[in-house]
Amino acid sequence: METIFDYNPTEGELKRFNLRTQKDIDEIKYLYAKDTNNKDCQDSINYQLGLLFAMRGNKNKSILFFNKIYNRNMLTTLIQDF
């Protein structure tokens, strides 16, 4: 499964996801690698991808990832990040 790390996030983008240190980055990569079959994890990954592309101004790609979110209630709660 794709994650934000497949799209070379900038330092500023990583900070937006609260990934400030290499330890933070390593921990989230480990969780993603271990748990991508979990629906909650998939939703988190797709949310982050949607947010990444929204920050980059790519509305179509952002919507594509937001639409992949299984738990729609999660999306309405998290959309406040905008």
N, C-alpha and C. Protein backbone atom coordinates (compact mmCIF):
# COMPACT_ATOMS: atom_id res chain seq x y z
N MET A 1 0.84 -1.19 0.00
CA MET A 1 0.00 0.00 0.00
C MET A 1 0.88 1.24 0.00
N GLU A 2 0.48 2.23 -0.78
CA GLU A 2 1.20 3.50 -0.84
C GLU A 2 1.05 4.25 0.49
N THR A 3 2.07 5.01 0.83
CA THR A 3 2.01 5.90 1.99
C THR A 3 2.57 7.24 1.57
N ILE A 4 2.54 8.20 2.47
CA ILE A 4 3.10 9.51 2.15
C ILE A 4 4.58 9.41 1.80
N PHE A 5 5.25 8.38 2.29
CA PHE A 5 6.68 8.24 2.05
C PHE A 5 7.00 7.87 0.60
N ASP A 6 6.00 7.38 -0.12
CA ASP A 6 6.18 7.09 -1.54
C ASP A 6 6.18 8.36 -2.39
N TYR A 7 5.84 9.49 -1.78
CA TYR A 7 5.74 10.76 -2.50
C TYR A 7 6.74 11.80 -2.00
N ASN A 8 7.81 11.35 -1.40
CA ASN A 8 8.91 12.23 -0.97
C ASN A 8 8.43 13.49 -0.24
N PRO A 9 7.81 13.30 0.93
CA PRO A 9 7.33 14.48 1.66
C PRO A 9 8.48 15.37 2.09
N THR A 10 8.22 16.66 2.06
CA THR A 10 9.22 17.63 2.50
C THR A 10 9.28 17.64 4.02
N GLU A 11 10.27 18.31 4.55
CA GLU A 11 10.40 18.43 6.00
C GLU A 11 9.17 19.11 6.59
N GLY A 12 8.68 20.14 5.93
CA GLY A 12 7.49 20.84 6.40
C GLY A 12 6.25 19.95 6.39
N GLU A 13 6.12 19.14 5.36
CA GLU A 13 4.99 18.21 5.28
C GLU A 13 5.07 17.16 6.38
N LEU A 14 6.27 16.66 6.63
CA LEU A 14 6.44 15.68 7.71
C LEU A 14 6.05 16.29 9.05
N LYS A 15 6.42 17.53 9.26
CA LYS A 15 6.06 18.21 10.52
C LYS A 15 4.54 18.34 10.63
N ARG A 16 3.88 18.56 9.51
CA ARG A 16 2.41 18.67 9.50
C ARG A 16 1.77 17.38 10.01
N PHE A 17 2.44 16.25 9.74
CA PHE A 17 1.96 14.95 10.19
C PHE A 17 2.56 14.58 11.55
N ASN A 18 3.18 15.56 12.19
CA ASN A 18 3.79 15.39 13.51
C ASN A 18 4.92 14.34 13.48
N LEU A 19 5.61 14.29 12.37
CA LEU A 19 6.77 13.40 12.22
C LEU A 19 8.01 14.29 12.22
N ARG A 20 8.47 14.61 13.41
CA ARG A 20 9.52 15.62 13.55
C ARG A 20 10.93 15.05 13.65
N THR A 21 11.04 13.81 14.07
CA THR A 21 12.37 13.22 14.22
C THR A 21 12.45 11.94 13.40
N GLN A 22 13.66 11.48 13.19
CA GLN A 22 13.83 10.22 12.46
C GLN A 22 13.17 9.07 13.21
N LYS A 23 13.19 9.14 14.53
CA LYS A 23 12.54 8.11 15.34
C LYS A 23 11.03 8.08 15.06
N ASP A 24 10.40 9.26 14.97
CA ASP A 24 8.97 9.33 14.64
C ASP A 24 8.70 8.69 13.29
N ILE A 25 9.53 9.01 12.32
CA ILE A 25 9.37 8.49 10.96
C ILE A 25 9.54 6.98 10.95
N ASP A 26 10.57 6.50 11.62
CA ASP A 26 10.82 5.05 11.67
C ASP A 26 9.66 4.30 12.33
N GLU A 27 9.11 4.88 13.40
CA GLU A 27 8.00 4.23 14.10
C GLU A 27 6.76 4.13 13.22
N ILE A 28 6.43 5.19 12.51
CA ILE A 28 5.23 5.15 11.67
C ILE A 28 5.44 4.23 10.47
N LYS A 29 6.64 4.22 9.92
CA LYS A 29 6.92 3.29 8.82
C LYS A 29 6.79 1.84 9.29
N TYR A 30 7.25 1.57 10.50
CA TYR A 30 7.14 0.22 11.06
C TYR A 30 5.67 -0.16 11.23
N LEU A 31 4.87 0.75 11.78
CA LEU A 31 3.45 0.47 11.98
C LEU A 31 2.75 0.23 10.64
N TYR A 32 3.09 1.02 9.65
CA TYR A 32 2.48 0.85 8.33
C TYR A 32 2.86 -0.50 7.73
N ALA A 33 4.11 -0.85 7.83
CA ALA A 33 4.58 -2.12 7.25
C ALA A 33 3.93 -3.31 7.95
N LYS A 34 3.69 -3.18 9.22
CA LYS A 34 3.17 -4.27 10.04
C LYS A 34 1.65 -4.42 9.92
N ASP A 35 0.95 -3.33 9.68
CA ASP A 35 -0.49 -3.33 9.90
C ASP A 35 -1.33 -2.86 8.72
N THR A 36 -0.85 -2.93 7.50
CA THR A 36 -1.60 -2.36 6.38
C THR A 36 -2.85 -3.15 6.02
N ASN A 37 -3.04 -4.36 6.55
CA ASN A 37 -4.27 -5.10 6.30
C ASN A 37 -5.39 -4.67 7.24
N ASN A 38 -5.07 -3.88 8.22
CA ASN A 38 -6.04 -3.38 9.18
C ASN A 38 -6.79 -2.19 8.57
N LYS A 39 -8.13 -2.22 8.59
CA LYS A 39 -8.94 -1.15 7.98
C LYS A 39 -8.65 0.22 8.59
N ASP A 40 -8.46 0.28 9.91
CA ASP A 40 -8.15 1.57 10.54
C ASP A 40 -6.83 2.12 10.04
N CYS A 41 -5.85 1.24 9.89
CA CYS A 41 -4.55 1.66 9.39
C CYS A 41 -4.67 2.13 7.94
N GLN A 42 -5.41 1.40 7.13
CA GLN A 42 -5.63 1.79 5.74
C GLN A 42 -6.31 3.15 5.66
N ASP A 43 -7.29 3.37 6.53
CA ASP A 43 -7.97 4.66 6.55
C ASP A 43 -7.01 5.78 6.93
N SER A 44 -6.15 5.54 7.92
CA SER A 44 -5.17 6.56 8.33
C SER A 44 -4.21 6.89 7.20
N ILE A 45 -3.76 5.85 6.52
CA ILE A 45 -2.83 6.06 5.40
C ILE A 45 -3.51 6.85 4.29
N ASN A 46 -4.73 6.47 3.93
CA ASN A 46 -5.45 7.19 2.87
C ASN A 46 -5.78 8.61 3.28
N TYR A 47 -6.09 8.82 4.54
CA TYR A 47 -6.33 10.18 5.04
C TYR A 47 -5.07 11.03 4.90
N GLN A 48 -3.94 10.47 5.33
CA GLN A 48 -2.68 11.22 5.22
C GLN A 48 -2.34 11.52 3.76
N LEU A 49 -2.57 10.56 2.88
CA LEU A 49 -2.31 10.80 1.46
C LEU A 49 -3.24 11.88 0.92
N GLY A 50 -4.50 11.83 1.30
CA GLY A 50 -5.44 12.87 0.87
C GLY A 50 -5.03 14.23 1.37
N LEU A 51 -4.61 14.30 2.60
CA LEU A 51 -4.17 15.57 3.18
C LEU A 51 -2.89 16.07 2.51
N LEU A 52 -1.96 15.16 2.25
CA LEU A 52 -0.71 15.54 1.58
C LEU A 52 -1.00 16.20 0.23
N PHE A 53 -1.87 15.58 -0.55
CA PHE A 53 -2.15 16.14 -1.87
C PHE A 53 -3.00 17.40 -1.78
N ALA A 54 -3.84 17.51 -0.76
CA ALA A 54 -4.57 18.76 -0.55
C ALA A 54 -3.60 19.89 -0.24
N MET A 55 -2.59 19.62 0.60
CA MET A 55 -1.59 20.63 0.93
C MET A 55 -0.80 21.03 -0.31
N ARG A 56 -0.61 20.09 -1.21
CA ARG A 56 0.14 20.37 -2.44
C ARG A 56 -0.72 20.99 -3.53
N GLY A 57 -2.00 21.16 -3.25
CA GLY A 57 -2.89 21.79 -4.21
C GLY A 57 -3.42 20.87 -5.29
N ASN A 58 -3.28 19.56 -5.10
CA ASN A 58 -3.76 18.59 -6.08
C ASN A 58 -5.11 18.04 -5.59
N LYS A 59 -6.16 18.81 -5.86
CA LYS A 59 -7.48 18.47 -5.34
C LYS A 59 -7.98 17.12 -5.84
N ASN A 60 -7.79 16.80 -7.11
CA ASN A 60 -8.29 15.54 -7.67
C ASN A 60 -7.65 14.34 -6.99
N LYS A 61 -6.33 14.39 -6.81
CA LYS A 61 -5.64 13.27 -6.17
C LYS A 61 -6.03 13.18 -4.69
N SER A 62 -6.23 14.32 -4.07
CA SER A 62 -6.65 14.37 -2.68
C SER A 62 -8.01 13.68 -2.52
N ILE A 63 -8.95 14.02 -3.37
CA ILE A 63 -10.29 13.42 -3.31
C ILE A 63 -10.22 11.92 -3.57
N LEU A 64 -9.35 11.51 -4.49
CA LEU A 64 -9.18 10.09 -4.78
C LEU A 64 -8.85 9.31 -3.51
N PHE A 65 -7.91 9.81 -2.73
CA PHE A 65 -7.51 9.12 -1.49
C PHE A 65 -8.57 9.25 -0.40
N PHE A 66 -9.19 10.42 -0.29
CA PHE A 66 -10.26 10.57 0.71
C PHE A 66 -11.41 9.61 0.42
N ASN A 67 -11.70 9.38 -0.84
CA ASN A 67 -12.79 8.48 -1.21
C ASN A 67 -12.49 7.01 -0.90
N LYS A 68 -11.24 6.69 -0.67
CA LYS A 68 -10.86 5.31 -0.33
C LYS A 68 -11.05 5.00 1.16
N ILE A 69 -11.37 6.01 1.94
CA ILE A 69 -11.52 5.82 3.38
C ILE A 69 -12.79 5.02 3.66
N TYR A 70 -12.61 3.91 4.33
CA TYR A 70 -13.70 2.99 4.64
C TYR A 70 -14.64 3.57 5.70
N ASN A 71 -14.09 4.06 6.78
CA ASN A 71 -14.87 4.61 7.89
C ASN A 71 -15.14 6.09 7.62
N ARG A 72 -16.28 6.37 7.01
CA ARG A 72 -16.62 7.74 6.63
C ARG A 72 -16.75 8.67 7.84
N ASN A 73 -17.10 8.13 9.00
CA ASN A 73 -17.17 8.96 10.20
C ASN A 73 -15.80 9.52 10.55
N MET A 74 -14.76 8.73 10.30
CA MET A 74 -13.39 9.19 10.55
C MET A 74 -13.09 10.42 9.69
N LEU A 75 -13.53 10.39 8.46
CA LEU A 75 -13.25 11.49 7.54
C LEU A 75 -13.93 12.77 8.00
N THR A 76 -15.15 12.71 8.44
CA THR A 76 -15.84 13.93 8.87
C THR A 76 -15.22 14.51 10.13
N THR A 77 -14.65 13.67 10.98
CA THR A 77 -13.97 14.15 12.18
C THR A 77 -12.62 14.77 11.83
N LEU A 78 -11.87 14.11 10.98
CA LEU A 78 -10.50 14.54 10.68
C LEU A 78 -10.45 15.70 9.68
N ILE A 79 -11.49 15.91 8.91
CA ILE A 79 -11.48 16.94 7.89
C ILE A 79 -11.26 18.32 8.51
N GLN A 80 -11.45 18.42 9.83
CA GLN A 80 -11.21 19.68 10.52
C GLN A 80 -9.77 20.13 10.42
N ASP A 81 -8.86 19.24 10.01
CA ASP A 81 -7.45 19.59 9.86
C ASP A 81 -7.24 20.66 8.79
N PHE A 82 -8.20 20.82 7.91
CA PHE A 82 -8.07 21.83 6.86
C PHE A 82 -8.34 23.18 7.46
